[in-house]
């Protein structure tokens, strides 16, 4: 009997968790046509050396509610993904403070930091910042 109650409670908790993260069609979402605002604060430099720490500081704001924010660092020539960060949110603001270290094997290359954001209404925004890593 106790196992049955625990199982039912656990199942209910999982269902509620999944339902809470699904995009819903609130009335305010239908009227929201303003995409999120993305500010790339760091890196503000355009050149680094191998072994340098590339600090990543990003602020994303939405007028109603954010849904997700993704951050990538890609090799500009090959498109190879070197860094990835995903944030799921139900707030109006997401602040990201992270870092990436250009490894010795990376060598001389051009990179692009790409930030994408989507709000609860499905409005999307993207910002990029290019930088160079030297040996």
C-alpha atoms as a PDB file:
ATOM      1  CA  UNK A   1       0.000   0.000   0.000  1.00  0.00           C
ATOM      2  CA  UNK A   2       2.800   2.410   0.937  1.00  0.00           C
ATOM      3  CA  UNK A   3       4.760   1.569  -2.240  1.00  0.00           C
ATOM      4  CA  UNK A   4       1.679   2.322  -4.320  1.00  0.00           C
ATOM      5  CA  UNK A   5       1.272   5.767  -2.726  1.00  0.00           C
ATOM      6  CA  UNK A   6       4.956   6.579  -3.183  1.00  0.00           C
ATOM      7  CA  UNK A   7       4.810   5.495  -6.828  1.00  0.00           C
ATOM      8  CA  UNK A   8       1.671   7.579  -7.475  1.00  0.00           C
ATOM      9  CA  UNK A   9       3.251  10.596  -5.805  1.00  0.00           C
ATOM     10  CA  UNK A  10       6.476  10.214  -7.809  1.00  0.00           C
ATOM     11  CA  UNK A  11       4.526   9.830 -11.054  1.00  0.00           C
ATOM     12  CA  UNK A  12       2.459  12.916 -10.271  1.00  0.00           C
ATOM     13  CA  UNK A  13       5.626  14.908  -9.484  1.00  0.00           C
ATOM     14  CA  UNK A  14       7.166  13.943 -12.836  1.00  0.00           C
ATOM     15  CA  UNK A  15       4.004  14.884 -14.750  1.00  0.00           C
ATOM     16  CA  UNK A  16       3.763  18.257 -12.996  1.00  0.00           C
ATOM     17  CA  UNK A  17       7.464  18.954 -13.674  1.00  0.00           C
ATOM     18  CA  UNK A  18       7.109  18.198 -17.368  1.00  0.00           C
ATOM     19  CA  UNK A  19       3.937  20.257 -17.691  1.00  0.00           C
ATOM     20  CA  UNK A  20       5.560  23.221 -15.944  1.00  0.00           C
ATOM     21  CA  UNK A  21       8.393  23.363 -18.489  1.00  0.00           C
ATOM     22  CA  UNK A  22       6.248  23.110 -21.598  1.00  0.00           C
ATOM     23  CA  UNK A  23       5.603  26.306 -23.506  1.00  0.00           C
ATOM     24  CA  UNK A  24       2.095  27.415 -22.755  1.00  0.00           C
ATOM     25  CA  UNK A  25      -0.168  29.782 -24.607  1.00  0.00           C
ATOM     26  CA  UNK A  26      -0.863  32.392 -21.963  1.00  0.00           C
ATOM     27  CA  UNK A  27      -2.824  35.394 -23.131  1.00  0.00           C
ATOM     28  CA  UNK A  28       0.239  37.634 -22.660  1.00  0.00           C
ATOM     29  CA  UNK A  29       2.262  35.393 -25.002  1.00  0.00           C
ATOM     30  CA  UNK A  30      -0.164  36.033 -27.874  1.00  0.00           C
ATOM     31  CA  UNK A  31       0.368  39.778 -27.541  1.00  0.00           C
ATOM     32  CA  UNK A  32       4.150  39.598 -27.099  1.00  0.00           C
ATOM     33  CA  UNK A  33       5.974  40.283 -30.357  1.00  0.00           C
ATOM     34  CA  UNK A  34       9.103  41.803 -28.826  1.00  0.00           C
ATOM     35  CA  UNK A  35      12.224  39.599 -28.975  1.00  0.00           C
ATOM     36  CA  UNK A  36      14.640  39.322 -26.052  1.00  0.00           C
ATOM     37  CA  UNK A  37      17.510  41.808 -25.744  1.00  0.00           C
ATOM     38  CA  UNK A  38      21.017  40.303 -25.634  1.00  0.00           C
ATOM     39  CA  UNK A  39      24.029  42.217 -24.285  1.00  0.00           C
ATOM     40  CA  UNK A  40      27.490  40.684 -24.677  1.00  0.00           C
ATOM     41  CA  UNK A  41      29.515  42.426 -21.993  1.00  0.00           C
ATOM     42  CA  UNK A  42      32.580  40.166 -22.178  1.00  0.00           C
ATOM     43  CA  UNK A  43      34.596  39.270 -24.110  1.00  0.00           C
ATOM     44  CA  UNK A  44      35.022  42.826 -25.281  1.00  0.00           C
ATOM     45  CA  UNK A  45      38.513  42.136 -26.591  1.00  0.00           C
ATOM     46  CA  UNK A  46      39.023  40.976 -30.141  1.00  0.00           C
ATOM     47  CA  UNK A  47      42.324  39.100 -29.668  1.00  0.00           C
ATOM     48  CA  UNK A  48      43.658  36.531 -27.201  1.00  0.00           C
ATOM     49  CA  UNK A  49      46.688  34.259 -26.912  1.00  0.00           C
ATOM     50  CA  UNK A  50      46.618  30.482 -26.491  1.00  0.00           C
ATOM     51  CA  UNK A  51      46.108  29.722 -22.799  1.00  0.00           C
ATOM     52  CA  UNK A  52      44.288  32.985 -22.099  1.00  0.00           C
ATOM     53  CA  UNK A  53      41.029  32.807 -20.230  1.00  0.00           C
ATOM     54  CA  UNK A  54      38.204  34.210 -22.313  1.00  0.00           C
ATOM     55  CA  UNK A  55      35.681  35.542 -19.815  1.00  0.00           C
ATOM     56  CA  UNK A  56      32.070  35.347 -20.942  1.00  0.00           C
ATOM     57  CA  UNK A  57      29.566  37.759 -19.427  1.00  0.00           C
ATOM     58  CA  UNK A  58      26.138  38.035 -21.018  1.00  0.00           C
ATOM     59  CA  UNK A  59      22.868  39.643 -19.963  1.00  0.00           C
ATOM     60  CA  UNK A  60      19.572  38.631 -21.605  1.00  0.00           C
ATOM     61  CA  UNK A  61      16.334  40.500 -20.889  1.00  0.00           C
ATOM     62  CA  UNK A  62      12.759  39.986 -22.044  1.00  0.00           C
ATOM     63  CA  UNK A  63       9.722  42.182 -21.585  1.00  0.00           C
ATOM     64  CA  UNK A  64       7.562  39.227 -20.442  1.00  0.00           C
ATOM     65  CA  UNK A  65       9.330  35.882 -19.908  1.00  0.00           C
ATOM     66  CA  UNK A  66      12.396  34.137 -21.294  1.00  0.00           C
ATOM     67  CA  UNK A  67      12.314  30.475 -22.224  1.00  0.00           C
ATOM     68  CA  UNK A  68      15.881  29.526 -23.176  1.00  0.00           C
ATOM     69  CA  UNK A  69      19.321  30.988 -23.801  1.00  0.00           C
ATOM     70  CA  UNK A  70      22.163  29.238 -25.646  1.00  0.00           C
ATOM     71  CA  UNK A  71      25.812  30.302 -25.836  1.00  0.00           C
ATOM     72  CA  UNK A  72      28.336  28.825 -28.265  1.00  0.00           C
ATOM     73  CA  UNK A  73      31.941  29.444 -29.240  1.00  0.00           C
ATOM     74  CA  UNK A  74      32.601  28.081 -32.701  1.00  0.00           C
ATOM     75  CA  UNK A  75      35.677  27.971 -34.907  1.00  0.00           C
ATOM     76  CA  UNK A  76      34.806  30.520 -37.583  1.00  0.00           C
ATOM     77  CA  UNK A  77      36.436  28.542 -40.413  1.00  0.00           C
ATOM     78  CA  UNK A  78      35.486  24.943 -39.608  1.00  0.00           C
ATOM     79  CA  UNK A  79      32.310  25.640 -37.642  1.00  0.00           C
ATOM     80  CA  UNK A  80      33.518  23.230 -34.943  1.00  0.00           C
ATOM     81  CA  UNK A  81      31.808  23.829 -31.613  1.00  0.00           C
ATOM     82  CA  UNK A  82      34.359  24.591 -28.870  1.00  0.00           C
ATOM     83  CA  UNK A  83      32.043  25.697 -26.052  1.00  0.00           C
ATOM     84  CA  UNK A  84      28.329  25.319 -25.332  1.00  0.00           C
ATOM     85  CA  UNK A  85      26.093  26.506 -22.516  1.00  0.00           C
ATOM     86  CA  UNK A  86      22.298  26.148 -22.284  1.00  0.00           C
ATOM     87  CA  UNK A  87      20.032  27.911 -19.795  1.00  0.00           C
ATOM     88  CA  UNK A  88      16.324  27.196 -19.389  1.00  0.00           C
ATOM     89  CA  UNK A  89      14.455  30.041 -17.724  1.00  0.00           C
ATOM     90  CA  UNK A  90      11.017  31.268 -16.722  1.00  0.00           C
ATOM     91  CA  UNK A  91      12.194  34.709 -15.626  1.00  0.00           C
ATOM     92  CA  UNK A  92      12.578  38.047 -17.386  1.00  0.00           C
ATOM     93  CA  UNK A  93      16.380  38.112 -17.030  1.00  0.00           C
ATOM     94  CA  UNK A  94      19.269  35.669 -17.390  1.00  0.00           C
ATOM     95  CA  UNK A  95      22.834  36.604 -16.443  1.00  0.00           C
ATOM     96  CA  UNK A  96      25.663  34.373 -17.597  1.00  0.00           C
ATOM     97  CA  UNK A  97      29.163  34.535 -16.122  1.00  0.00           C
ATOM     98  CA  UNK A  98      31.464  31.834 -17.445  1.00  0.00           C
ATOM     99  CA  UNK A  99      34.824  31.321 -19.137  1.00  0.00           C
ATOM    100  CA  UNK A 100      36.594  29.362 -21.855  1.00  0.00           C
ATOM    101  CA  UNK A 101      40.330  28.692 -22.114  1.00  0.00           C
ATOM    102  CA  UNK A 102      41.888  28.588 -25.560  1.00  0.00           C
ATOM    103  CA  UNK A 103      43.914  25.372 -25.436  1.00  0.00           C
ATOM    104  CA  UNK A 104      47.359  24.916 -26.992  1.00  0.00           C
ATOM    105  CA  UNK A 105      45.992  22.501 -29.585  1.00  0.00           C
ATOM    106  CA  UNK A 106      43.610  25.184 -30.802  1.00  0.00           C
ATOM    107  CA  UNK A 107      46.407  27.370 -32.127  1.00  0.00           C
ATOM    108  CA  UNK A 108      45.945  30.355 -34.385  1.00  0.00           C
ATOM    109  CA  UNK A 109      42.252  30.680 -35.258  1.00  0.00           C
ATOM    110  CA  UNK A 110      39.243  32.946 -35.542  1.00  0.00           C
ATOM    111  CA  UNK A 111      36.266  32.254 -33.301  1.00  0.00           C
ATOM    112  CA  UNK A 112      32.735  33.527 -32.996  1.00  0.00           C
ATOM    113  CA  UNK A 113      30.736  33.745 -29.772  1.00  0.00           C
ATOM    114  CA  UNK A 114      27.059  33.193 -30.612  1.00  0.00           C
ATOM    115  CA  UNK A 115      24.243  33.933 -28.168  1.00  0.00           C
ATOM    116  CA  UNK A 116      20.660  32.984 -29.000  1.00  0.00           C
ATOM    117  CA  UNK A 117      17.591  33.622 -26.869  1.00  0.00           C
ATOM    118  CA  UNK A 118      13.941  32.688 -27.174  1.00  0.00           C
ATOM    119  CA  UNK A 119      11.112  33.997 -25.051  1.00  0.00           C
ATOM    120  CA  UNK A 120       7.948  32.195 -23.951  1.00  0.00           C
ATOM    121  CA  UNK A 121       6.041  33.591 -26.952  1.00  0.00           C
ATOM    122  CA  UNK A 122       8.600  32.183 -29.415  1.00  0.00           C
ATOM    123  CA  UNK A 123      10.304  35.498 -30.275  1.00  0.00           C
ATOM    124  CA  UNK A 124      13.998  34.929 -31.021  1.00  0.00           C
ATOM    125  CA  UNK A 125      17.143  37.045 -30.896  1.00  0.00           C
ATOM    126  CA  UNK A 126      20.814  36.424 -31.720  1.00  0.00           C
ATOM    127  CA  UNK A 127      24.047  38.344 -31.109  1.00  0.00           C
ATOM    128  CA  UNK A 128      27.604  37.478 -32.087  1.00  0.00           C
ATOM    129  CA  UNK A 129      31.109  38.609 -31.172  1.00  0.00           C
ATOM    130  CA  UNK A 130      34.165  37.596 -33.197  1.00  0.00           C
ATOM    131  CA  UNK A 131      37.640  37.215 -31.735  1.00  0.00           C
ATOM    132  CA  UNK A 132      41.038  35.833 -32.677  1.00  0.00           C
ATOM    133  CA  UNK A 133      43.353  33.452 -30.795  1.00  0.00           C
ATOM    134  CA  UNK A 134      47.091  33.573 -31.571  1.00  0.00           C
ATOM    135  CA  UNK A 135      49.869  31.153 -30.645  1.00  0.00           C
END
